Amino acid sequence: MRDSRSVAVVGVTGYTGLELARILLRHPELSPPVFYVRETNGAKCLAELFPQFRGWGEAPLRPLSVDAITSSRAGTAFLATPHEVSAEIAPALLDAGLRVVDLSGSFRFRSAQTFTSWYKLPAPHADWLGEAAYGVPEIYSNEIAKARLVANPGCYATSVILALRPLTEEGWIAANTSVVCDCKSGATGAGKDPRRDLHFVEVDENFKAYNLFTHRHTPEILEHTGLNEDQLVFSTHLLPLARGILSTIYVTLDQPQSAQDIEALYRKYYAGRKMVRIWPAGTLPELQHVAHTNFCDIGFALDKSGRRLIIVSCLDNLGKGAAGQAVQNFNHMLGIEEHISLQ
């Protein structure tokens, strides 16, 4: 029999999986999670593999086996796994009656062609694409609460969607104008696999752009803001720091607005949403304000014409951009307050 308070976590050796472990092990509504990895290296519990968990993270560590997960009492599985692994094992877990929170990109799109085109991988199980809820709780909380499969958003996509959605829903962005999303991330956003361009000597005291016009989070932004592809300019950069995303977004409004009206729009849209903090007009958030949290901080500046608007959106790419948001989604699925274990 499935236990809603029991969870399985697949993939804990990456940065996101490790952050997920830290959050879930402190979750007051859960039994100790069970962690599944491809290689345990003889470790029987998480603390043996990661000494930082000694004394408080003595959770079971087991070799990855779909059969072991489906035969357990786990009610939910978190997949902190590569896209192709999630696409392979999520359907089996779902068919066995588990709910799944997937942190990969495998189920983020309704269209299999969109995934294949942007990720250059075979399409995941088509039957489940239409079932997945897109995991931005501030926008899709009702869908997430009822879902059996939640597709956790990309980190860049989260920062941009939260910044733009109030404007696009209100219809305040001028037609036939570009929306420039100039985004910068810490190195953990690139994952833990060893790569030369992520070596310390390559990242330290350096700053560079990458994946211009080809970044995989582009279709998420388009789908969940309603912008046209030829309207969006999305640029990504690598910062010489471990974690955090700062997105500076340039928008032209269709009609002049006052700073008070813009602030009021954002505050109304995110009223009651504890994980999004709106800054007073003219003040701007910084990465240090959101590091190691699940908050997305949004501030803005408006020029004298009332039409040129710059929005600054900050979050921790491992928190609100990944593991924290996954737990926020899980809390909605459990029917408990969304901020539990996240403040």
C-alpha atoms as a PDB file:
ATOM      1  CA  MET A   1       0.000   0.000   0.000  1.00  0.00           C
ATOM      2  CA  ARG A   2       1.345   3.426  -0.969  1.00  0.00           C
ATOM      3  CA  ASP A   3       2.229   5.836   1.844  1.00  0.00           C
ATOM      4  CA  SER A   4       1.866   9.489   0.836  1.00  0.00           C
ATOM      5  CA  ARG A   5       4.465  10.469   3.474  1.00  0.00           C
ATOM      6  CA  SER A   6       7.070   8.076   2.106  1.00  0.00           C
ATOM      7  CA  VAL A   7       9.265   9.157  -0.801  1.00  0.00           C
ATOM      8  CA  ALA A   8      11.941   7.676  -2.999  1.00  0.00           C
ATOM      9  CA  VAL A   9      14.674   9.884  -4.442  1.00  0.00           C
ATOM     10  CA  VAL A  10      16.444   8.728  -7.589  1.00  0.00           C
ATOM     11  CA  GLY A  11      19.757  10.424  -8.220  1.00  0.00           C
ATOM     12  CA  VAL A  12      21.397  12.126  -5.256  1.00  0.00           C
ATOM     13  CA  THR A  13      24.979  12.429  -6.504  1.00  0.00           C
ATOM     14  CA  GLY A  14      24.487  15.608  -8.543  1.00  0.00           C
ATOM     15  CA  TYR A  15      24.199  19.145  -7.200  1.00  0.00           C
ATOM     16  CA  THR A  16      20.416  19.200  -7.531  1.00  0.00           C
ATOM     17  CA  GLY A  17      19.997  15.766  -5.955  1.00  0.00           C
ATOM     18  CA  LEU A  18      22.165  16.753  -3.020  1.00  0.00           C
ATOM     19  CA  GLU A  19      20.147  19.931  -2.477  1.00  0.00           C
ATOM     20  CA  LEU A  20      16.962  17.875  -2.676  1.00  0.00           C
ATOM     21  CA  ALA A  21      18.313  15.547   0.015  1.00  0.00           C
ATOM     22  CA  ARG A  22      19.042  18.472   2.349  1.00  0.00           C
ATOM     23  CA  ILE A  23      15.491  19.758   2.013  1.00  0.00           C
ATOM     24  CA  LEU A  24      13.671  16.425   2.259  1.00  0.00           C
ATOM     25  CA  LEU A  25      15.653  15.220   5.258  1.00  0.00           C
ATOM     26  CA  ARG A  26      14.382  18.242   7.187  1.00  0.00           C
ATOM     27  CA  HIS A  27      10.793  17.925   5.964  1.00  0.00           C
ATOM     28  CA  PRO A  28       8.548  17.591   9.042  1.00  0.00           C
ATOM     29  CA  GLU A  29       5.753  15.767   7.196  1.00  0.00           C
ATOM     30  CA  LEU A  30       7.869  12.917   5.788  1.00  0.00           C
ATOM     31  CA  SER A  31       9.335   9.627   6.843  1.00  0.00           C
ATOM     32  CA  PRO A  32      13.088   9.436   6.156  1.00  0.00           C
ATOM     33  CA  PRO A  33      13.444   9.304   2.360  1.00  0.00           C
ATOM     34  CA  VAL A  34      15.089   6.348   0.649  1.00  0.00           C
ATOM     35  CA  PHE A  35      17.766   7.309  -1.871  1.00  0.00           C
ATOM     36  CA  TYR A  36      18.554   5.254  -4.968  1.00  0.00           C
ATOM     37  CA  VAL A  37      21.803   5.600  -6.948  1.00  0.00           C
ATOM     38  CA  ARG A  38      23.497   3.604  -9.674  1.00  0.00           C
ATOM     39  CA  GLU A  39      26.630   3.003  -7.591  1.00  0.00           C
ATOM     40  CA  THR A  40      26.562   2.969  -3.787  1.00  0.00           C
ATOM     41  CA  ASN A  41      30.302   2.179  -3.495  1.00  0.00           C
ATOM     42  CA  GLY A  42      29.433  -0.037  -0.557  1.00  0.00           C
ATOM     43  CA  ALA A  43      27.603   2.711   1.362  1.00  0.00           C
ATOM     44  CA  LYS A  44      24.438   1.654   3.187  1.00  0.00           C
ATOM     45  CA  CYS A  45      23.190   5.133   4.102  1.00  0.00           C
ATOM     46  CA  LEU A  46      23.473   8.616   2.687  1.00  0.00           C
ATOM     47  CA  ALA A  47      25.859   9.801   5.409  1.00  0.00           C
ATOM     48  CA  GLU A  48      28.401   7.170   4.394  1.00  0.00           C
ATOM     49  CA  LEU A  49      28.469   8.552   0.860  1.00  0.00           C
ATOM     50  CA  PHE A  50      28.249  12.223   1.892  1.00  0.00           C
ATOM     51  CA  PRO A  51      29.889  12.920   5.286  1.00  0.00           C
ATOM     52  CA  GLN A  52      28.087  16.274   5.581  1.00  0.00           C
ATOM     53  CA  PHE A  53      24.966  14.297   6.525  1.00  0.00           C
ATOM     54  CA  ARG A  54      26.556  12.515   9.492  1.00  0.00           C
ATOM     55  CA  GLY A  55      24.468  12.773  12.613  1.00  0.00           C
ATOM     56  CA  TRP A  56      21.265  13.838  10.904  1.00  0.00           C
ATOM     57  CA  GLY A  57      21.074  12.331   7.406  1.00  0.00           C
ATOM     58  CA  GLU A  58      21.249   8.609   8.154  1.00  0.00           C
ATOM     59  CA  ALA A  59      18.725   7.832   5.403  1.00  0.00           C
ATOM     60  CA  PRO A  60      18.870   4.499   3.527  1.00  0.00           C
ATOM     61  CA  LEU A  61      20.952   4.370   0.338  1.00  0.00           C
ATOM     62  CA  ARG A  62      20.202   1.606  -2.146  1.00  0.00           C
ATOM     63  CA  PRO A  63      21.231   0.560  -5.656  1.00  0.00           C
ATOM     64  CA  LEU A  64      18.907   1.934  -8.308  1.00  0.00           C
ATOM     65  CA  SER A  65      16.198  -0.566  -9.186  1.00  0.00           C
ATOM     66  CA  VAL A  66      12.787   0.313 -10.567  1.00  0.00           C
ATOM     67  CA  ASP A  67      11.446  -2.943  -9.111  1.00  0.00           C
ATOM     68  CA  ALA A  68      12.750  -2.009  -5.667  1.00  0.00           C
ATOM     69  CA  ILE A  69      11.020   1.369  -5.830  1.00  0.00           C
ATOM     70  CA  THR A  70       7.713   0.029  -7.133  1.00  0.00           C
ATOM     71  CA  SER A  71       7.646  -2.718  -4.494  1.00  0.00           C
ATOM     72  CA  SER A  72       8.292  -0.219  -1.684  1.00  0.00           C
ATOM     73  CA  ARG A  73       5.646   1.819   0.145  1.00  0.00           C
ATOM     74  CA  ALA A  74       6.785   5.053  -1.479  1.00  0.00           C
ATOM     75  CA  GLY A  75       3.919   7.240  -2.626  1.00  0.00           C
ATOM     76  CA  THR A  76       6.088   9.670  -4.595  1.00  0.00           C
ATOM     77  CA  ALA A  77       9.379   9.426  -6.466  1.00  0.00           C
ATOM     78  CA  PHE A  78      11.619  12.415  -7.122  1.00  0.00           C
ATOM     79  CA  LEU A  79      13.745  11.986 -10.248  1.00  0.00           C
ATOM     80  CA  ALA A  80      16.940  14.041 -10.125  1.00  0.00           C
ATOM     81  CA  THR A  81      18.169  12.179 -13.166  1.00  0.00           C
ATOM     82  CA  PRO A  82      19.300  12.908 -16.744  1.00  0.00           C
ATOM     83  CA  HIS A  83      16.534  13.500 -19.277  1.00  0.00           C
ATOM     84  CA  GLU A  84      16.842  10.086 -20.914  1.00  0.00           C
ATOM     85  CA  VAL A  85      16.778   8.266 -17.564  1.00  0.00           C
ATOM     86  CA  SER A  86      13.626  10.090 -16.435  1.00  0.00           C
ATOM     87  CA  ALA A  87      11.961   9.353 -19.761  1.00  0.00           C
ATOM     88  CA  GLU A  88      12.721   5.655 -19.289  1.00  0.00           C
ATOM     89  CA  ILE A  89      11.761   5.055 -15.658  1.00  0.00           C
ATOM     90  CA  ALA A  90       8.977   7.586 -14.969  1.00  0.00           C
ATOM     91  CA  PRO A  91       6.289   5.635 -16.900  1.00  0.00           C
ATOM     92  CA  ALA A  92       7.092   2.448 -14.979  1.00  0.00           C
ATOM     93  CA  LEU A  93       6.811   4.242 -11.650  1.00  0.00           C
ATOM     94  CA  LEU A  94       3.555   5.908 -12.666  1.00  0.00           C
ATOM     95  CA  ASP A  95       2.082   2.632 -13.893  1.00  0.00           C
ATOM     96  CA  ALA A  96       2.908   1.138 -10.489  1.00  0.00           C
ATOM     97  CA  GLY A  97       0.815   3.798  -8.758  1.00  0.00           C
ATOM     98  CA  LEU A  98       3.502   6.242  -7.617  1.00  0.00           C
ATOM     99  CA  ARG A  99       3.372   9.958  -8.200  1.00  0.00           C
ATOM    100  CA  VAL A 100       6.449  11.449  -9.835  1.00  0.00           C
ATOM    101  CA  VAL A 101       8.167  14.816  -9.567  1.00  0.00           C
ATOM    102  CA  ASP A 102      10.648  14.893 -12.441  1.00  0.00           C
ATOM    103  CA  LEU A 103      13.444  17.456 -12.329  1.00  0.00           C
ATOM    104  CA  SER A 104      14.634  16.752 -15.872  1.00  0.00           C
ATOM    105  CA  GLY A 105      13.231  18.240 -19.050  1.00  0.00           C
ATOM    106  CA  SER A 106      11.587  15.038 -20.266  1.00  0.00           C
ATOM    107  CA  PHE A 107       7.947  15.923 -19.578  1.00  0.00           C
ATOM    108  CA  ARG A 108       7.970  19.737 -19.751  1.00  0.00           C
ATOM    109  CA  PHE A 109       6.287  19.941 -23.159  1.00  0.00           C
ATOM    110  CA  ARG A 110       2.964  18.771 -24.524  1.00  0.00           C
ATOM    111  CA  SER A 111       4.576  18.136 -27.888  1.00  0.00           C
ATOM    112  CA  ALA A 112       7.045  15.284 -28.282  1.00  0.00           C
ATOM    113  CA  GLN A 113       8.477  17.136 -31.268  1.00  0.00           C
ATOM    114  CA  THR A 114       9.362  20.141 -29.116  1.00  0.00           C
ATOM    115  CA  PHE A 115      11.376  17.926 -26.754  1.00  0.00           C
ATOM    116  CA  THR A 116      13.114  16.095 -29.588  1.00  0.00           C
ATOM    117  CA  SER A 117      13.936  19.301 -31.438  1.00  0.00           C
ATOM    118  CA  TRP A 118      15.466  21.124 -28.473  1.00  0.00           C
ATOM    119  CA  TYR A 119      16.991  18.237 -26.491  1.00  0.00           C
ATOM    120  CA  LYS A 120      18.156  16.098 -29.445  1.00  0.00           C
ATOM    121  CA  LEU A 121      16.879  12.975 -27.692  1.00  0.00           C
ATOM    122  CA  PRO A 122      14.114  10.466 -28.471  1.00  0.00           C
ATOM    123  CA  ALA A 123      10.715  11.628 -27.274  1.00  0.00           C
ATOM    124  CA  PRO A 124       9.589  10.360 -23.851  1.00  0.00           C
ATOM    125  CA  HIS A 125       6.508   8.233 -23.342  1.00  0.00           C
ATOM    126  CA  ALA A 126       3.886  10.097 -25.378  1.00  0.00           C
ATOM    127  CA  ASP A 127       0.935   8.957 -23.254  1.00  0.00           C
ATOM    128  CA  TRP A 128       2.257  10.878 -20.260  1.00  0.00           C
ATOM    129  CA  LEU A 129       3.155  14.165 -21.977  1.00  0.00           C
ATOM    130  CA  GLY A 130      -0.434  15.374 -21.859  1.00  0.00           C
ATOM    131  CA  GLU A 131      -0.791  14.318 -18.214  1.00  0.00           C
ATOM    132  CA  ALA A 132       2.157  16.213 -16.770  1.00  0.00           C
ATOM    133  CA  ALA A 133       1.553  19.419 -14.833  1.00  0.00           C
ATOM    134  CA  TYR A 134       4.134  22.136 -15.387  1.00  0.00           C
ATOM    135  CA  GLY A 135       5.570  22.834 -11.973  1.00  0.00           C
ATOM    136  CA  VAL A 136       5.355  26.570 -11.343  1.00  0.00           C
ATOM    137  CA  PRO A 137       3.113  26.568  -8.242  1.00  0.00           C
ATOM    138  CA  GLU A 138       2.452  30.310  -8.397  1.00  0.00           C
ATOM    139  CA  ILE A 139       0.711  29.774 -11.749  1.00  0.00           C
ATOM    140  CA  TYR A 140      -0.441  26.143 -11.875  1.00  0.00           C
ATOM    141  CA  SER A 141      -1.104  25.202  -8.247  1.00  0.00           C
ATOM    142  CA  ASN A 142      -4.525  23.664  -8.986  1.00  0.00           C
ATOM    143  CA  GLU A 143      -3.140  21.425 -11.731  1.00  0.00           C
ATOM    144  CA  ILE A 144      -0.149  20.415  -9.602  1.00  0.00           C
ATOM    145  CA  ALA A 145      -2.338  19.491  -6.623  1.00  0.00           C
ATOM    146  CA  LYS A 146      -4.247  16.967  -8.754  1.00  0.00           C
ATOM    147  CA  ALA A 147      -1.327  15.694 -10.839  1.00  0.00           C
ATOM    148  CA  ARG A 148       0.357  12.317 -10.744  1.00  0.00           C
ATOM    149  CA  LEU A 149       3.292  13.638 -12.777  1.00  0.00           C
ATOM    150  CA  VAL A 150       4.853  17.068 -12.278  1.00  0.00           C
ATOM    151  CA  ALA A 151       7.487  18.352 -14.678  1.00  0.00           C
ATOM    152  CA  ASN A 152       9.755  20.643 -12.695  1.00  0.00           C
ATOM    153  CA  PRO A 153      10.665  23.724 -14.766  1.00  0.00           C
ATOM    154  CA  GLY A 154      14.107  24.786 -15.854  1.00  0.00           C
ATOM    155  CA  CYS A 155      15.949  27.241 -13.623  1.00  0.00           C
ATOM    156  CA  TYR A 156      16.290  30.042 -16.180  1.00  0.00           C
ATOM    157  CA  ALA A 157      12.721  29.464 -17.311  1.00  0.00           C
ATOM    158  CA  THR A 158      11.436  29.873 -13.752  1.00  0.00           C
ATOM    159  CA  SER A 159      13.153  33.225 -13.288  1.00  0.00           C
ATOM    160  CA  VAL A 160      11.870  34.592 -16.608  1.00  0.00           C
ATOM    161  CA  ILE A 161       8.318  33.185 -16.464  1.00  0.00           C
ATOM    162  CA  LEU A 162       7.692  34.543 -12.966  1.00  0.00           C
ATOM    163  CA  ALA A 163       8.960  37.955 -14.061  1.00  0.00           C
ATOM    164  CA  LEU A 164       6.911  38.165 -17.274  1.00  0.00           C
ATOM    165  CA  ARG A 165       3.688  36.284 -16.595  1.00  0.00           C
ATOM    166  CA  PRO A 166       1.825  39.153 -14.847  1.00  0.00           C
ATOM    167  CA  LEU A 167       2.600  41.447 -17.795  1.00  0.00           C
ATOM    168  CA  THR A 168       1.658  38.972 -20.513  1.00  0.00           C
ATOM    169  CA  GLU A 169      -1.597  37.964 -18.821  1.00  0.00           C
ATOM    170  CA  GLU A 170      -2.552  41.628 -18.452  1.00  0.00           C
ATOM    171  CA  GLY A 171      -1.588  42.323 -22.082  1.00  0.00           C
ATOM    172  CA  TRP A 172       0.747  45.173 -21.148  1.00  0.00           C
ATOM    173  CA  ILE A 173       3.636  44.259 -23.456  1.00  0.00           C
ATOM    174  CA  ALA A 174       3.606  46.189 -26.729  1.00  0.00           C
ATOM    175  CA  ALA A 175       2.987  44.126 -29.846  1.00  0.00           C
ATOM    176  CA  ASN A 176       5.833  43.715 -32.340  1.00  0.00           C
ATOM    177  CA  THR A 177       8.489  44.642 -29.777  1.00  0.00           C
ATOM    178  CA  SER A 178      11.365  42.511 -28.548  1.00  0.00           C
ATOM    179  CA  VAL A 179      11.512  41.160 -25.017  1.00  0.00           C
ATOM    180  CA  VAL A 180      15.172  40.782 -24.075  1.00  0.00           C
ATOM    181  CA  CYS A 181      15.926  38.311 -21.273  1.00  0.00           C
ATOM    182  CA  ASP A 182      19.571  38.692 -20.294  1.00  0.00           C
ATOM    183  CA  CYS A 183      20.233  35.889 -17.793  1.00  0.00           C
ATOM    184  CA  LYS A 184      23.274  34.902 -15.743  1.00  0.00           C
ATOM    185  CA  SER A 185      23.806  31.722 -13.716  1.00  0.00           C
ATOM    186  CA  GLY A 186      26.281  30.146 -11.331  1.00  0.00           C
ATOM    187  CA  ALA A 187      28.289  27.117 -12.425  1.00  0.00           C
ATOM    188  CA  THR A 188      26.157  24.502 -10.629  1.00  0.00           C
ATOM    189  CA  GLY A 189      23.502  25.110 -13.278  1.00  0.00           C
ATOM    190  CA  ALA A 190      25.671  23.191 -15.736  1.00  0.00           C
ATOM    191  CA  GLY A 191      25.591  20.020 -13.641  1.00  0.00           C
ATOM    192  CA  LYS A 192      28.309  17.908 -12.036  1.00  0.00           C
ATOM    193  CA  ASP A 193      29.734  16.024 -15.015  1.00  0.00           C
ATOM    194  CA  PRO A 194      33.430  16.891 -15.470  1.00  0.00           C
ATOM    195  CA  ARG A 195      33.933  19.323 -18.340  1.00  0.00           C
ATOM    196  CA  ARG A 196      36.952  21.381 -19.235  1.00  0.00           C
ATOM    197  CA  ASP A 197      34.962  24.613 -19.574  1.00  0.00           C
ATOM    198  CA  LEU A 198      33.753  24.215 -15.963  1.00  0.00           C
ATOM    199  CA  HIS A 199      37.173  23.691 -14.388  1.00  0.00           C
ATOM    200  CA  PHE A 200      38.025  26.229 -11.695  1.00  0.00           C
ATOM    201  CA  VAL A 201      40.706  27.909 -13.802  1.00  0.00           C
ATOM    202  CA  GLU A 202      38.237  28.332 -16.677  1.00  0.00           C
ATOM    203  CA  VAL A 203      35.415  29.794 -14.564  1.00  0.00           C
ATOM    204  CA  ASP A 204      37.286  31.836 -11.956  1.00  0.00           C
ATOM    205  CA  GLU A 205      37.727  35.522 -12.895  1.00  0.00           C
ATOM    206  CA  ASN A 206      35.860  34.860 -16.131  1.00  0.00           C
ATOM    207  CA  PHE A 207      32.421  35.672 -17.550  1.00  0.00           C
ATOM    208  CA  LYS A 208      30.991  34.356 -20.795  1.00  0.00           C
ATOM    209  CA  ALA A 209      27.851  33.892 -22.848  1.00  0.00           C
ATOM    210  CA  TYR A 210      26.791  30.456 -24.106  1.00  0.00           C
ATOM    211  CA  ASN A 211      24.052  28.644 -26.072  1.00  0.00           C
ATOM    212  CA  LEU A 212      22.759  31.827 -27.697  1.00  0.00           C
ATOM    213  CA  PHE A 213      19.538  31.102 -29.633  1.00  0.00           C
ATOM    214  CA  THR A 214      19.871  27.393 -28.733  1.00  0.00           C
ATOM    215  CA  HIS A 215      19.262  27.187 -24.989  1.00  0.00           C
ATOM    216  CA  ARG A 216      16.844  24.387 -24.045  1.00  0.00           C
ATOM    217  CA  HIS A 217      14.810  26.579 -21.698  1.00  0.00           C
ATOM    218  CA  THR A 218      13.667  28.751 -24.615  1.00  0.00           C
ATOM    219  CA  PRO A 219      10.507  26.742 -25.468  1.00  0.00           C
ATOM    220  CA  GLU A 220       9.427  26.726 -21.812  1.00  0.00           C
ATOM    221  CA  ILE A 221       9.578  30.509 -21.710  1.00  0.00           C
ATOM    222  CA  LEU A 222       7.622  30.823 -24.941  1.00  0.00           C
ATOM    223  CA  GLU A 223       4.957  28.325 -23.908  1.00  0.00           C
ATOM    224  CA  HIS A 224       4.314  29.802 -20.470  1.00  0.00           C
ATOM    225  CA  THR A 225       4.542  33.508 -21.245  1.00  0.00           C
ATOM    226  CA  GLY A 226       2.675  33.456 -24.560  1.00  0.00           C
ATOM    227  CA  LEU A 227       5.441  35.379 -26.324  1.00  0.00           C
ATOM    228  CA  ASN A 228       6.113  34.743 -30.002  1.00  0.00           C
ATOM    229  CA  GLU A 229       9.421  33.113 -30.877  1.00  0.00           C
ATOM    230  CA  ASP A 230      10.520  36.090 -32.991  1.00  0.00           C
ATOM    231  CA  GLN A 231       9.725  38.402 -30.070  1.00  0.00           C
ATOM    232  CA  LEU A 232      11.998  36.731 -27.517  1.00  0.00           C
ATOM    233  CA  VAL A 233      15.720  37.370 -27.198  1.00  0.00           C
ATOM    234  CA  PHE A 234      17.033  34.979 -24.541  1.00  0.00           C
ATOM    235  CA  SER A 235      20.737  35.109 -23.675  1.00  0.00           C
ATOM    236  CA  THR A 236      22.508  33.033 -21.029  1.00  0.00           C
ATOM    237  CA  HIS A 237      25.825  33.662 -19.289  1.00  0.00           C
ATOM    238  CA  LEU A 238      28.068  31.775 -16.854  1.00  0.00           C
ATOM    239  CA  LEU A 239      29.032  33.636 -13.687  1.00  0.00           C
ATOM    240  CA  PRO A 240      32.189  32.811 -11.691  1.00  0.00           C
ATOM    241  CA  LEU A 241      30.186  31.697  -8.648  1.00  0.00           C
ATOM    242  CA  ALA A 242      28.598  28.473  -7.441  1.00  0.00           C
ATOM    243  CA  ARG A 243      24.877  29.190  -7.425  1.00  0.00           C
ATOM    244  CA  GLY A 244      22.243  31.761  -8.279  1.00  0.00           C
ATOM    245  CA  ILE A 245      20.465  33.237 -11.318  1.00  0.00           C
ATOM    246  CA  LEU A 246      19.932  36.904 -12.061  1.00  0.00           C
ATOM    247  CA  SER A 247      17.713  37.715 -15.050  1.00  0.00           C
ATOM    248  CA  THR A 248      17.529  41.270 -16.359  1.00  0.00           C
ATOM    249  CA  ILE A 249      14.516  41.601 -18.653  1.00  0.00           C
ATOM    250  CA  TYR A 250      13.852  44.531 -20.969  1.00  0.00           C
ATOM    251  CA  VAL A 251      10.252  45.219 -22.004  1.00  0.00           C
ATOM    252  CA  THR A 252       8.367  47.911 -23.906  1.00  0.00           C
ATOM    253  CA  LEU A 253       4.845  48.494 -22.567  1.00  0.00           C
ATOM    254  CA  ASP A 254       1.927  49.131 -24.896  1.00  0.00           C
ATOM    255  CA  GLN A 255       0.690  52.090 -22.840  1.00  0.00           C
ATOM    256  CA  PRO A 256       2.456  54.333 -20.308  1.00  0.00           C
ATOM    257  CA  GLN A 257       2.168  53.031 -16.764  1.00  0.00           C
ATOM    258  CA  SER A 258       3.188  54.407 -13.403  1.00  0.00           C
ATOM    259  CA  ALA A 259       5.634  52.621 -11.132  1.00  0.00           C
ATOM    260  CA  GLN A 260       2.848  52.305  -8.575  1.00  0.00           C
ATOM    261  CA  ASP A 261       0.594  50.567 -11.095  1.00  0.00           C
ATOM    262  CA  ILE A 262       3.313  48.088 -12.048  1.00  0.00           C
ATOM    263  CA  GLU A 263       4.122  47.282  -8.442  1.00  0.00           C
ATOM    264  CA  ALA A 264       0.416  46.859  -7.715  1.00  0.00           C
ATOM    265  CA  LEU A 265       0.059  44.463 -10.664  1.00  0.00           C
ATOM    266  CA  TYR A 266       2.844  42.226  -9.378  1.00  0.00           C
ATOM    267  CA  ARG A 267       1.663  42.318  -5.779  1.00  0.00           C
ATOM    268  CA  LYS A 268      -1.880  41.395  -6.804  1.00  0.00           C
ATOM    269  CA  TYR A 269      -0.717  38.589  -9.075  1.00  0.00           C
ATOM    270  CA  TYR A 270       1.489  37.011  -6.405  1.00  0.00           C
ATOM    271  CA  ALA A 271      -0.696  37.798  -3.406  1.00  0.00           C
ATOM    272  CA  GLY A 272      -0.477  34.968  -0.899  1.00  0.00           C
ATOM    273  CA  ARG A 273       2.481  33.373  -2.695  1.00  0.00           C
ATOM    274  CA  LYS A 274       5.180  33.331  -0.048  1.00  0.00           C
ATOM    275  CA  MET A 275       7.957  32.156  -2.335  1.00  0.00           C
ATOM    276  CA  VAL A 276       7.809  35.218  -4.623  1.00  0.00           C
ATOM    277  CA  ARG A 277       8.890  38.487  -3.037  1.00  0.00           C
ATOM    278  CA  ILE A 278       8.079  41.725  -4.852  1.00  0.00           C
ATOM    279  CA  TRP A 279      10.443  44.595  -4.139  1.00  0.00           C
ATOM    280  CA  PRO A 280       9.251  48.208  -3.834  1.00  0.00           C
ATOM    281  CA  ALA A 281       9.289  50.233  -7.052  1.00  0.00           C
ATOM    282  CA  GLY A 282      12.786  51.340  -8.000  1.00  0.00           C
ATOM    283  CA  THR A 283      14.628  48.867  -5.744  1.00  0.00           C
ATOM    284  CA  LEU A 284      16.411  45.844  -7.173  1.00  0.00           C
ATOM    285  CA  PRO A 285      17.181  42.413  -5.703  1.00  0.00           C
ATOM    286  CA  GLU A 286      20.621  40.801  -5.701  1.00  0.00           C
ATOM    287  CA  LEU A 287      21.834  37.206  -5.719  1.00  0.00           C
ATOM    288  CA  GLN A 288      22.960  37.390  -2.106  1.00  0.00           C
ATOM    289  CA  HIS A 289      19.336  37.962  -1.098  1.00  0.00           C
ATOM    290  CA  VAL A 290      18.159  34.602  -2.475  1.00  0.00           C
ATOM    291  CA  ALA A 291      21.178  32.295  -2.138  1.00  0.00           C
ATOM    292  CA  HIS A 292      20.334  29.041  -0.305  1.00  0.00           C
ATOM    293  CA  THR A 293      16.602  29.899  -0.290  1.00  0.00           C
ATOM    294  CA  ASN A 294      13.492  29.017  -2.283  1.00  0.00           C
ATOM    295  CA  PHE A 295      12.569  32.636  -2.939  1.00  0.00           C
ATOM    296  CA  CYS A 296      12.292  34.381  -6.275  1.00  0.00           C
ATOM    297  CA  ASP A 297      12.810  38.117  -5.758  1.00  0.00           C
ATOM    298  CA  ILE A 298      11.452  40.513  -8.395  1.00  0.00           C
ATOM    299  CA  GLY A 299      12.186  44.215  -8.707  1.00  0.00           C
ATOM    300  CA  PHE A 300      11.945  46.723 -11.537  1.00  0.00           C
ATOM    301  CA  ALA A 301      12.838  50.159 -12.849  1.00  0.00           C
ATOM    302  CA  LEU A 302      10.651  52.293 -15.135  1.00  0.00           C
ATOM    303  CA  ASP A 303      11.859  55.150 -17.318  1.00  0.00           C
ATOM    304  CA  LYS A 304      10.258  58.601 -17.454  1.00  0.00           C
ATOM    305  CA  SER A 305       8.089  57.731 -20.466  1.00  0.00           C
ATOM    306  CA  GLY A 306       6.343  55.008 -18.463  1.00  0.00           C
ATOM    307  CA  ARG A 307       6.836  52.540 -21.285  1.00  0.00           C
ATOM    308  CA  ARG A 308      10.402  51.248 -20.989  1.00  0.00           C
ATOM    309  CA  LEU A 309      10.495  48.714 -18.163  1.00  0.00           C
ATOM    310  CA  ILE A 310      13.455  46.716 -16.818  1.00  0.00           C
ATOM    311  CA  ILE A 311      12.637  43.782 -14.522  1.00  0.00           C
ATOM    312  CA  VAL A 312      15.234  42.041 -12.368  1.00  0.00           C
ATOM    313  CA  SER A 313      14.408  38.510 -11.236  1.00  0.00           C
ATOM    314  CA  CYS A 314      16.711  36.628  -8.828  1.00  0.00           C
ATOM    315  CA  LEU A 315      16.623  33.072  -7.511  1.00  0.00           C
ATOM    316  CA  ASP A 316      18.884  30.245  -6.404  1.00  0.00           C
ATOM    317  CA  ASN A 317      19.194  27.841  -9.337  1.00  0.00           C
ATOM    318  CA  LEU A 318      19.407  24.858  -6.955  1.00  0.00           C
ATOM    319  CA  GLY A 319      16.543  26.153  -4.775  1.00  0.00           C
ATOM    320  CA  LYS A 320      13.599  27.817  -6.515  1.00  0.00           C
ATOM    321  CA  GLY A 321      15.236  26.859  -9.811  1.00  0.00           C
ATOM    322  CA  ALA A 322      15.325  23.131  -9.059  1.00  0.00           C
ATOM    323  CA  ALA A 323      15.169  21.158  -5.787  1.00  0.00           C
ATOM    324  CA  GLY A 324      13.298  23.740  -3.710  1.00  0.00           C
ATOM    325  CA  GLN A 325      10.621  24.159  -6.335  1.00  0.00           C
ATOM    326  CA  ALA A 326      10.328  20.367  -6.639  1.00  0.00           C
ATOM    327  CA  VAL A 327       9.526  20.150  -2.921  1.00  0.00           C
ATOM    328  CA  GLN A 328       7.157  23.116  -3.224  1.00  0.00           C
ATOM    329  CA  ASN A 329       5.326  21.173  -5.935  1.00  0.00           C
ATOM    330  CA  PHE A 330       5.324  18.041  -3.788  1.00  0.00           C
ATOM    331  CA  ASN A 331       3.778  19.976  -0.916  1.00  0.00           C
ATOM    332  CA  HIS A 332       0.896  20.949  -3.209  1.00  0.00           C
ATOM    333  CA  MET A 333       0.488  17.314  -4.216  1.00  0.00           C
ATOM    334  CA  LEU A 334       0.347  16.386  -0.529  1.00  0.00           C
ATOM    335  CA  GLY A 335      -2.190  19.122   0.214  1.00  0.00           C
ATOM    336  CA  ILE A 336       0.008  20.913   2.760  1.00  0.00           C
ATOM    337  CA  GLU A 337       1.309  24.473   2.859  1.00  0.00           C
ATOM    338  CA  GLU A 338       3.671  25.052  -0.032  1.00  0.00           C
ATOM    339  CA  HIS A 339       6.476  26.583   2.028  1.00  0.00           C
ATOM    340  CA  ILE A 340       6.886  23.635   4.438  1.00  0.00           C
ATOM    341  CA  SER A 341      10.607  22.772   4.747  1.00  0.00           C
ATOM    342  CA  LEU A 342      11.539  25.683   2.485  1.00  0.00           C
ATOM    343  CA  GLN A 343      11.940  28.590   4.913  1.00  0.00           C
END
